[in-house]
Amino acid sequence: MAMGSGGSGSGLSADINVTPMIDVLLVLLIIFMITLPLSRREFDVQVPPEQKQQPKQKQQSSDQIVLELKPDGAYAINTQVIPFEQLDAKFHELYDQRPAKLLFIKAAPNRKYGDIVRAMDVARGAGVQVIGFTPSEQGAGAAAAH
């Protein structure tokens, strides 16, 4: 509160001095602007270059493991349907003895991002070190049209 020395006789004024509050808010704004970029998390993603459509090769090497998230909500490892609750045990069974811990994920277009991230978390917990995504079978032309 400020003291007035005017001629009215009343010495007190009820004005609030907001200058210190604005100074504090500006300092907080600067602090948040500096710390925001430091708190971001990121995924390292390697996207393969687009290739021309080649004849489909149905020969799949037996050493590759593909986790498929089917449109109906089911999960399949190398075309073998597995309930989500058993994914962790199956991943441990497959990857505990393997030196190369690589998993490919093939998700249906209607599956939610959260389903894919949960499957990736389970795979990482089982020791998978590299996760790759397979391209859709519909072709790149259909995806570019959307």
N, C-alpha and C. Protein backbone atom coordinates (compact mmCIF):
# COMPACT_ATOMS: atom_id res chain seq x y z
N MET A 1 0.84 -1.17 0.00
CA MET A 1 0.00 0.00 0.00
C MET A 1 0.88 1.24 0.00
N ALA A 2 0.39 2.25 -0.61
CA ALA A 2 1.18 3.47 -0.74
C ALA A 2 0.65 4.54 0.19
N MET A 3 1.53 5.39 0.62
CA MET A 3 1.14 6.52 1.47
C MET A 3 0.99 7.76 0.58
N GLY A 4 -0.08 8.41 0.73
CA GLY A 4 -0.30 9.61 -0.06
C GLY A 4 -0.01 10.85 0.75
N SER A 5 0.52 11.86 0.10
CA SER A 5 0.80 13.11 0.79
C SER A 5 -0.04 14.24 0.21
N GLY A 6 -1.22 13.90 -0.25
CA GLY A 6 -2.09 14.91 -0.84
C GLY A 6 -2.75 15.77 0.23
N GLY A 7 -3.50 16.74 -0.19
CA GLY A 7 -4.12 17.64 0.73
C GLY A 7 -5.48 17.18 1.22
N SER A 8 -5.91 15.97 0.86
CA SER A 8 -7.24 15.53 1.24
C SER A 8 -7.30 15.07 2.69
N GLY A 9 -6.21 14.77 3.31
CA GLY A 9 -6.22 14.37 4.70
C GLY A 9 -6.18 12.86 4.88
N SER A 10 -6.68 12.10 3.94
CA SER A 10 -6.65 10.63 4.04
C SER A 10 -5.28 10.16 3.55
N GLY A 11 -4.49 9.46 4.35
CA GLY A 11 -3.13 9.11 4.01
C GLY A 11 -2.95 7.76 3.36
N LEU A 12 -3.95 6.87 3.37
CA LEU A 12 -3.78 5.54 2.82
C LEU A 12 -4.49 5.40 1.48
N SER A 13 -3.85 4.63 0.58
CA SER A 13 -4.43 4.34 -0.73
C SER A 13 -4.44 2.83 -0.91
N ALA A 14 -5.47 2.30 -1.50
CA ALA A 14 -5.61 0.85 -1.64
C ALA A 14 -5.17 0.35 -3.02
N ASP A 15 -4.26 1.00 -3.68
CA ASP A 15 -3.77 0.56 -4.99
C ASP A 15 -2.76 -0.57 -4.81
N ILE A 16 -2.87 -1.58 -5.68
CA ILE A 16 -1.93 -2.71 -5.66
C ILE A 16 -0.82 -2.43 -6.65
N ASN A 17 0.40 -2.64 -6.22
CA ASN A 17 1.54 -2.45 -7.09
C ASN A 17 1.77 -3.78 -7.83
N VAL A 18 1.47 -3.82 -9.14
CA VAL A 18 1.56 -5.07 -9.91
C VAL A 18 2.90 -5.24 -10.61
N THR A 19 3.78 -4.30 -10.52
CA THR A 19 5.07 -4.40 -11.20
C THR A 19 5.89 -5.61 -10.75
N PRO A 20 6.01 -5.91 -9.44
CA PRO A 20 6.76 -7.12 -9.06
C PRO A 20 6.09 -8.41 -9.56
N MET A 21 4.77 -8.42 -9.60
CA MET A 21 4.08 -9.62 -10.07
C MET A 21 4.36 -9.83 -11.57
N ILE A 22 4.39 -8.78 -12.35
CA ILE A 22 4.69 -8.90 -13.78
C ILE A 22 6.13 -9.36 -13.97
N ASP A 23 7.06 -8.87 -13.16
CA ASP A 23 8.45 -9.31 -13.25
C ASP A 23 8.57 -10.80 -12.98
N VAL A 24 7.87 -11.29 -11.97
CA VAL A 24 7.91 -12.72 -11.65
C VAL A 24 7.32 -13.53 -12.78
N LEU A 25 6.21 -13.07 -13.36
CA LEU A 25 5.58 -13.80 -14.47
C LEU A 25 6.49 -13.85 -15.69
N LEU A 26 7.20 -12.78 -15.99
CA LEU A 26 8.12 -12.79 -17.12
C LEU A 26 9.28 -13.74 -16.88
N VAL A 27 9.79 -13.79 -15.67
CA VAL A 27 10.87 -14.74 -15.36
C VAL A 27 10.38 -16.18 -15.50
N LEU A 28 9.17 -16.47 -15.01
CA LEU A 28 8.61 -17.82 -15.16
C LEU A 28 8.39 -18.18 -16.63
N LEU A 29 7.93 -17.21 -17.41
CA LEU A 29 7.74 -17.45 -18.84
C LEU A 29 9.05 -17.81 -19.51
N ILE A 30 10.11 -17.10 -19.19
CA ILE A 30 11.42 -17.40 -19.77
C ILE A 30 11.90 -18.78 -19.33
N ILE A 31 11.71 -19.13 -18.08
CA ILE A 31 12.12 -20.45 -17.58
C ILE A 31 11.38 -21.55 -18.32
N PHE A 32 10.06 -21.41 -18.48
CA PHE A 32 9.29 -22.44 -19.19
C PHE A 32 9.67 -22.51 -20.66
N MET A 33 9.97 -21.39 -21.28
CA MET A 33 10.38 -21.41 -22.69
C MET A 33 11.71 -22.12 -22.87
N ILE A 34 12.58 -22.03 -21.90
CA ILE A 34 13.88 -22.69 -22.00
C ILE A 34 13.76 -24.18 -21.72
N THR A 35 12.94 -24.57 -20.75
CA THR A 35 12.87 -25.98 -20.36
C THR A 35 11.95 -26.81 -21.26
N LEU A 36 11.05 -26.20 -22.02
CA LEU A 36 10.13 -26.97 -22.86
C LEU A 36 10.84 -27.82 -23.91
N PRO A 37 11.78 -27.29 -24.67
CA PRO A 37 12.46 -28.16 -25.65
C PRO A 37 13.27 -29.28 -25.02
N LEU A 38 13.71 -29.11 -23.79
CA LEU A 38 14.50 -30.14 -23.12
C LEU A 38 13.65 -31.31 -22.66
N SER A 39 12.34 -31.11 -22.50
CA SER A 39 11.49 -32.16 -21.97
C SER A 39 10.83 -33.02 -23.05
N ARG A 40 11.10 -32.76 -24.31
CA ARG A 40 10.48 -33.53 -25.39
C ARG A 40 11.15 -34.89 -25.50
N ARG A 41 10.33 -35.88 -25.84
CA ARG A 41 10.85 -37.23 -26.07
C ARG A 41 10.69 -37.54 -27.55
N GLU A 42 11.56 -38.38 -28.05
CA GLU A 42 11.50 -38.67 -29.46
C GLU A 42 11.81 -40.14 -29.72
N PHE A 43 11.30 -40.61 -30.84
CA PHE A 43 11.60 -41.94 -31.33
C PHE A 43 12.59 -41.80 -32.48
N ASP A 44 13.59 -42.66 -32.51
CA ASP A 44 14.47 -42.71 -33.67
C ASP A 44 13.81 -43.60 -34.71
N VAL A 45 13.50 -43.02 -35.85
CA VAL A 45 12.78 -43.74 -36.89
C VAL A 45 13.61 -43.72 -38.16
N GLN A 46 13.75 -44.88 -38.78
CA GLN A 46 14.43 -44.98 -40.07
C GLN A 46 13.40 -45.44 -41.09
N VAL A 47 13.06 -44.58 -42.00
CA VAL A 47 12.06 -44.88 -43.01
C VAL A 47 12.78 -45.30 -44.28
N PRO A 48 12.45 -46.48 -44.81
CA PRO A 48 13.12 -46.92 -46.03
C PRO A 48 12.66 -46.09 -47.22
N PRO A 49 13.50 -45.96 -48.23
CA PRO A 49 13.09 -45.19 -49.41
C PRO A 49 11.97 -45.91 -50.15
N GLU A 50 11.13 -45.14 -50.81
CA GLU A 50 10.01 -45.73 -51.55
C GLU A 50 10.54 -46.48 -52.75
N GLN A 51 10.04 -47.69 -52.94
CA GLN A 51 10.48 -48.52 -54.05
C GLN A 51 9.30 -48.80 -54.95
N LYS A 52 9.61 -49.08 -56.20
CA LYS A 52 8.56 -49.45 -57.15
C LYS A 52 7.96 -50.78 -56.74
N GLN A 53 6.70 -50.97 -57.09
CA GLN A 53 6.00 -52.20 -56.74
C GLN A 53 6.64 -53.37 -57.47
N GLN A 54 7.09 -54.35 -56.74
CA GLN A 54 7.69 -55.53 -57.31
C GLN A 54 6.76 -56.71 -57.07
N PRO A 55 6.94 -57.78 -57.84
CA PRO A 55 6.10 -58.95 -57.60
C PRO A 55 6.25 -59.43 -56.16
N LYS A 56 5.13 -59.81 -55.57
CA LYS A 56 5.13 -60.23 -54.17
C LYS A 56 5.91 -61.53 -54.01
N GLN A 57 6.74 -61.54 -53.01
CA GLN A 57 7.48 -62.76 -52.69
C GLN A 57 6.90 -63.31 -51.40
N LYS A 58 6.33 -64.46 -51.46
CA LYS A 58 5.72 -65.07 -50.28
C LYS A 58 6.73 -65.83 -49.44
N GLN A 59 7.99 -65.87 -49.89
CA GLN A 59 9.00 -66.58 -49.11
C GLN A 59 9.42 -65.68 -47.96
N GLN A 60 9.12 -66.10 -46.77
CA GLN A 60 9.51 -65.34 -45.59
C GLN A 60 10.56 -66.16 -44.84
N SER A 61 11.64 -65.52 -44.57
CA SER A 61 12.71 -66.22 -43.88
C SER A 61 12.23 -66.61 -42.48
N SER A 62 12.64 -67.80 -42.05
CA SER A 62 12.17 -68.29 -40.76
C SER A 62 12.81 -67.55 -39.58
N ASP A 63 13.87 -66.79 -39.84
CA ASP A 63 14.51 -66.09 -38.74
C ASP A 63 13.89 -64.72 -38.47
N GLN A 64 12.96 -64.28 -39.31
CA GLN A 64 12.29 -63.01 -39.08
C GLN A 64 11.02 -63.23 -38.27
N ILE A 65 10.78 -62.31 -37.33
CA ILE A 65 9.57 -62.40 -36.52
C ILE A 65 8.73 -61.17 -36.83
N VAL A 66 7.47 -61.42 -37.21
CA VAL A 66 6.56 -60.34 -37.57
C VAL A 66 5.38 -60.38 -36.61
N LEU A 67 5.16 -59.27 -35.93
CA LEU A 67 3.97 -59.11 -35.09
C LEU A 67 2.92 -58.39 -35.92
N GLU A 68 1.80 -59.04 -36.10
CA GLU A 68 0.73 -58.47 -36.92
C GLU A 68 -0.43 -58.07 -36.02
N LEU A 69 -0.86 -56.82 -36.15
CA LEU A 69 -2.04 -56.34 -35.45
C LEU A 69 -3.18 -56.37 -36.46
N LYS A 70 -4.04 -57.33 -36.32
CA LYS A 70 -5.09 -57.58 -37.30
C LYS A 70 -6.24 -56.58 -37.15
N PRO A 71 -7.03 -56.39 -38.22
CA PRO A 71 -8.13 -55.43 -38.17
C PRO A 71 -9.20 -55.75 -37.13
N ASP A 72 -9.36 -57.03 -36.79
CA ASP A 72 -10.41 -57.42 -35.84
C ASP A 72 -9.96 -57.27 -34.38
N GLY A 73 -8.75 -56.77 -34.13
CA GLY A 73 -8.29 -56.56 -32.76
C GLY A 73 -7.37 -57.65 -32.25
N ALA A 74 -7.11 -58.67 -33.05
CA ALA A 74 -6.25 -59.78 -32.64
C ALA A 74 -4.78 -59.46 -32.92
N TYR A 75 -3.91 -60.18 -32.23
CA TYR A 75 -2.47 -60.07 -32.43
C TYR A 75 -1.98 -61.42 -32.95
N ALA A 76 -1.02 -61.39 -33.90
CA ALA A 76 -0.48 -62.63 -34.44
C ALA A 76 1.03 -62.48 -34.59
N ILE A 77 1.75 -63.54 -34.20
CA ILE A 77 3.19 -63.58 -34.39
C ILE A 77 3.46 -64.63 -35.46
N ASN A 78 3.99 -64.18 -36.60
CA ASN A 78 4.22 -65.05 -37.76
C ASN A 78 2.96 -65.85 -38.10
N THR A 79 1.85 -65.18 -38.21
CA THR A 79 0.52 -65.68 -38.57
C THR A 79 -0.11 -66.58 -37.50
N GLN A 80 0.51 -66.75 -36.36
CA GLN A 80 -0.07 -67.53 -35.27
C GLN A 80 -0.75 -66.55 -34.30
N VAL A 81 -2.06 -66.67 -34.16
CA VAL A 81 -2.82 -65.75 -33.33
C VAL A 81 -2.49 -65.97 -31.85
N ILE A 82 -2.18 -64.86 -31.17
CA ILE A 82 -1.79 -64.87 -29.75
C ILE A 82 -2.65 -63.84 -29.03
N PRO A 83 -3.23 -64.16 -27.89
CA PRO A 83 -3.91 -63.12 -27.10
C PRO A 83 -2.89 -62.10 -26.56
N PHE A 84 -3.35 -60.88 -26.36
CA PHE A 84 -2.44 -59.82 -25.90
C PHE A 84 -1.79 -60.18 -24.57
N GLU A 85 -2.52 -60.85 -23.70
CA GLU A 85 -1.99 -61.19 -22.38
C GLU A 85 -0.82 -62.17 -22.47
N GLN A 86 -0.72 -62.93 -23.56
CA GLN A 86 0.35 -63.91 -23.72
C GLN A 86 1.50 -63.43 -24.59
N LEU A 87 1.43 -62.18 -25.05
CA LEU A 87 2.50 -61.65 -25.91
C LEU A 87 3.84 -61.63 -25.19
N ASP A 88 3.85 -61.21 -23.93
CA ASP A 88 5.10 -61.11 -23.19
C ASP A 88 5.78 -62.47 -23.09
N ALA A 89 5.03 -63.48 -22.72
CA ALA A 89 5.61 -64.83 -22.59
C ALA A 89 6.11 -65.35 -23.94
N LYS A 90 5.36 -65.08 -25.00
CA LYS A 90 5.76 -65.55 -26.33
C LYS A 90 7.01 -64.82 -26.80
N PHE A 91 7.09 -63.50 -26.53
CA PHE A 91 8.30 -62.76 -26.91
C PHE A 91 9.52 -63.27 -26.16
N HIS A 92 9.36 -63.54 -24.87
CA HIS A 92 10.49 -64.10 -24.10
C HIS A 92 10.89 -65.45 -24.66
N GLU A 93 9.93 -66.27 -25.02
CA GLU A 93 10.22 -67.60 -25.59
C GLU A 93 11.00 -67.46 -26.90
N LEU A 94 10.64 -66.47 -27.71
CA LEU A 94 11.29 -66.32 -29.01
C LEU A 94 12.64 -65.61 -28.93
N TYR A 95 12.76 -64.62 -28.07
CA TYR A 95 13.94 -63.76 -28.10
C TYR A 95 14.99 -64.06 -27.06
N ASP A 96 14.70 -64.85 -26.04
CA ASP A 96 15.71 -65.09 -24.99
C ASP A 96 16.95 -65.79 -25.54
N GLN A 97 16.79 -66.67 -26.51
CA GLN A 97 17.95 -67.40 -27.02
C GLN A 97 18.51 -66.77 -28.30
N ARG A 98 17.90 -65.73 -28.83
CA ARG A 98 18.34 -65.12 -30.08
C ARG A 98 19.41 -64.05 -29.85
N PRO A 99 20.45 -64.03 -30.68
CA PRO A 99 21.43 -62.95 -30.57
C PRO A 99 20.91 -61.65 -31.21
N ALA A 100 20.21 -61.76 -32.34
CA ALA A 100 19.66 -60.57 -33.01
C ALA A 100 18.22 -60.40 -32.57
N LYS A 101 17.96 -59.33 -31.88
CA LYS A 101 16.63 -59.10 -31.32
C LYS A 101 15.92 -58.04 -32.16
N LEU A 102 15.36 -58.51 -33.30
CA LEU A 102 14.72 -57.66 -34.28
C LEU A 102 13.27 -58.10 -34.45
N LEU A 103 12.35 -57.14 -34.43
CA LEU A 103 10.93 -57.43 -34.59
C LEU A 103 10.35 -56.50 -35.65
N PHE A 104 9.53 -57.06 -36.53
CA PHE A 104 8.80 -56.27 -37.51
C PHE A 104 7.35 -56.21 -37.07
N ILE A 105 6.77 -55.02 -37.18
CA ILE A 105 5.36 -54.83 -36.82
C ILE A 105 4.59 -54.47 -38.07
N LYS A 106 3.47 -55.17 -38.24
CA LYS A 106 2.59 -54.92 -39.38
C LYS A 106 1.20 -54.67 -38.80
N ALA A 107 0.73 -53.43 -38.89
CA ALA A 107 -0.53 -53.05 -38.26
C ALA A 107 -1.57 -52.75 -39.33
N ALA A 108 -2.79 -53.16 -39.06
CA ALA A 108 -3.92 -52.83 -39.93
C ALA A 108 -4.19 -51.33 -39.84
N PRO A 109 -4.69 -50.73 -40.91
CA PRO A 109 -4.92 -49.28 -40.88
C PRO A 109 -5.95 -48.83 -39.85
N ASN A 110 -6.85 -49.71 -39.44
CA ASN A 110 -7.88 -49.29 -38.48
C ASN A 110 -7.43 -49.44 -37.03
N ARG A 111 -6.23 -49.96 -36.77
CA ARG A 111 -5.76 -50.11 -35.39
C ARG A 111 -5.31 -48.76 -34.84
N LYS A 112 -5.52 -48.57 -33.56
CA LYS A 112 -5.19 -47.31 -32.90
C LYS A 112 -3.70 -47.26 -32.57
N TYR A 113 -3.19 -46.05 -32.52
CA TYR A 113 -1.78 -45.83 -32.22
C TYR A 113 -1.42 -46.39 -30.85
N GLY A 114 -2.32 -46.28 -29.88
CA GLY A 114 -2.07 -46.79 -28.54
C GLY A 114 -1.86 -48.30 -28.52
N ASP A 115 -2.60 -49.04 -29.37
CA ASP A 115 -2.42 -50.49 -29.46
C ASP A 115 -1.02 -50.83 -29.93
N ILE A 116 -0.53 -50.08 -30.91
CA ILE A 116 0.81 -50.34 -31.45
C ILE A 116 1.87 -50.01 -30.40
N VAL A 117 1.70 -48.92 -29.68
CA VAL A 117 2.68 -48.53 -28.66
C VAL A 117 2.69 -49.55 -27.52
N ARG A 118 1.52 -50.05 -27.12
CA ARG A 118 1.48 -51.08 -26.06
C ARG A 118 2.20 -52.35 -26.51
N ALA A 119 2.02 -52.74 -27.77
CA ALA A 119 2.71 -53.93 -28.28
C ALA A 119 4.22 -53.67 -28.33
N MET A 120 4.62 -52.45 -28.70
CA MET A 120 6.05 -52.11 -28.72
C MET A 120 6.63 -52.15 -27.31
N ASP A 121 5.88 -51.67 -26.33
CA ASP A 121 6.34 -51.70 -24.94
C ASP A 121 6.55 -53.13 -24.44
N VAL A 122 5.62 -54.01 -24.79
CA VAL A 122 5.76 -55.41 -24.39
C VAL A 122 6.99 -56.02 -25.05
N ALA A 123 7.20 -55.69 -26.33
CA ALA A 123 8.36 -56.23 -27.04
C ALA A 123 9.67 -55.70 -26.44
N ARG A 124 9.71 -54.43 -26.13
CA ARG A 124 10.92 -53.86 -25.51
C ARG A 124 11.18 -54.49 -24.15
N GLY A 125 10.12 -54.77 -23.41
CA GLY A 125 10.27 -55.42 -22.11
C GLY A 125 10.80 -56.83 -22.23
N ALA A 126 10.56 -57.47 -23.37
CA ALA A 126 11.04 -58.83 -23.58
C ALA A 126 12.45 -58.85 -24.16
N GLY A 127 13.03 -57.68 -24.38
CA GLY A 127 14.41 -57.64 -24.84
C GLY A 127 14.60 -57.29 -26.30
N VAL A 128 13.55 -56.97 -27.03
CA VAL A 128 13.68 -56.60 -28.43
C VAL A 128 14.40 -55.26 -28.51
N GLN A 129 15.44 -55.21 -29.34
CA GLN A 129 16.25 -54.00 -29.42
C GLN A 129 15.90 -53.14 -30.62
N VAL A 130 15.51 -53.76 -31.74
CA VAL A 130 15.20 -53.03 -32.96
C VAL A 130 13.80 -53.39 -33.40
N ILE A 131 12.98 -52.37 -33.63
CA ILE A 131 11.61 -52.59 -34.09
C ILE A 131 11.46 -51.89 -35.43
N GLY A 132 10.99 -52.65 -36.42
CA GLY A 132 10.75 -52.09 -37.75
C GLY A 132 9.30 -52.24 -38.13
N PHE A 133 8.85 -51.41 -39.04
CA PHE A 133 7.47 -51.48 -39.51
C PHE A 133 7.46 -51.90 -40.96
N THR A 134 6.54 -52.80 -41.31
CA THR A 134 6.42 -53.26 -42.68
C THR A 134 5.45 -52.36 -43.42
N PRO A 135 5.65 -52.19 -44.72
CA PRO A 135 4.71 -51.37 -45.49
C PRO A 135 3.38 -52.08 -45.66
N SER A 136 2.36 -51.29 -45.94
CA SER A 136 1.04 -51.89 -46.15
C SER A 136 1.02 -52.65 -47.45
N GLU A 137 0.17 -53.66 -47.52
CA GLU A 137 0.10 -54.49 -48.73
C GLU A 137 -0.72 -53.84 -49.83
N GLN A 138 -1.47 -52.78 -49.50
CA GLN A 138 -2.31 -52.13 -50.50
C GLN A 138 -1.49 -51.32 -51.50
N GLY A 139 -0.28 -51.00 -51.15
CA GLY A 139 0.56 -50.23 -52.05
C GLY A 139 0.63 -48.78 -51.63
N ALA A 140 1.69 -48.12 -52.07
CA ALA A 140 1.91 -46.73 -51.68
C ALA A 140 0.94 -45.79 -52.40
N GLY A 141 0.43 -46.19 -53.56
CA GLY A 141 -0.49 -45.34 -54.31
C GLY A 141 -1.79 -45.12 -53.59
N ALA A 142 -2.31 -46.16 -52.96
CA ALA A 142 -3.57 -46.03 -52.24
C ALA A 142 -3.41 -45.16 -51.01
N ALA A 143 -2.27 -45.25 -50.34
CA ALA A 143 -2.05 -44.44 -49.14
C ALA A 143 -1.84 -42.97 -49.51
N ALA A 144 -1.25 -42.71 -50.67
CA ALA A 144 -1.02 -41.33 -51.09
C ALA A 144 -2.31 -40.65 -51.52
N ALA A 145 -3.32 -41.43 -51.90
CA ALA A 145 -4.58 -40.85 -52.36
C ALA A 145 -5.38 -40.26 -51.20
N HIS A 146 -5.14 -40.73 -49.97
CA HIS A 146 -5.92 -40.25 -48.82
C HIS A 146 -5.46 -38.93 -48.40
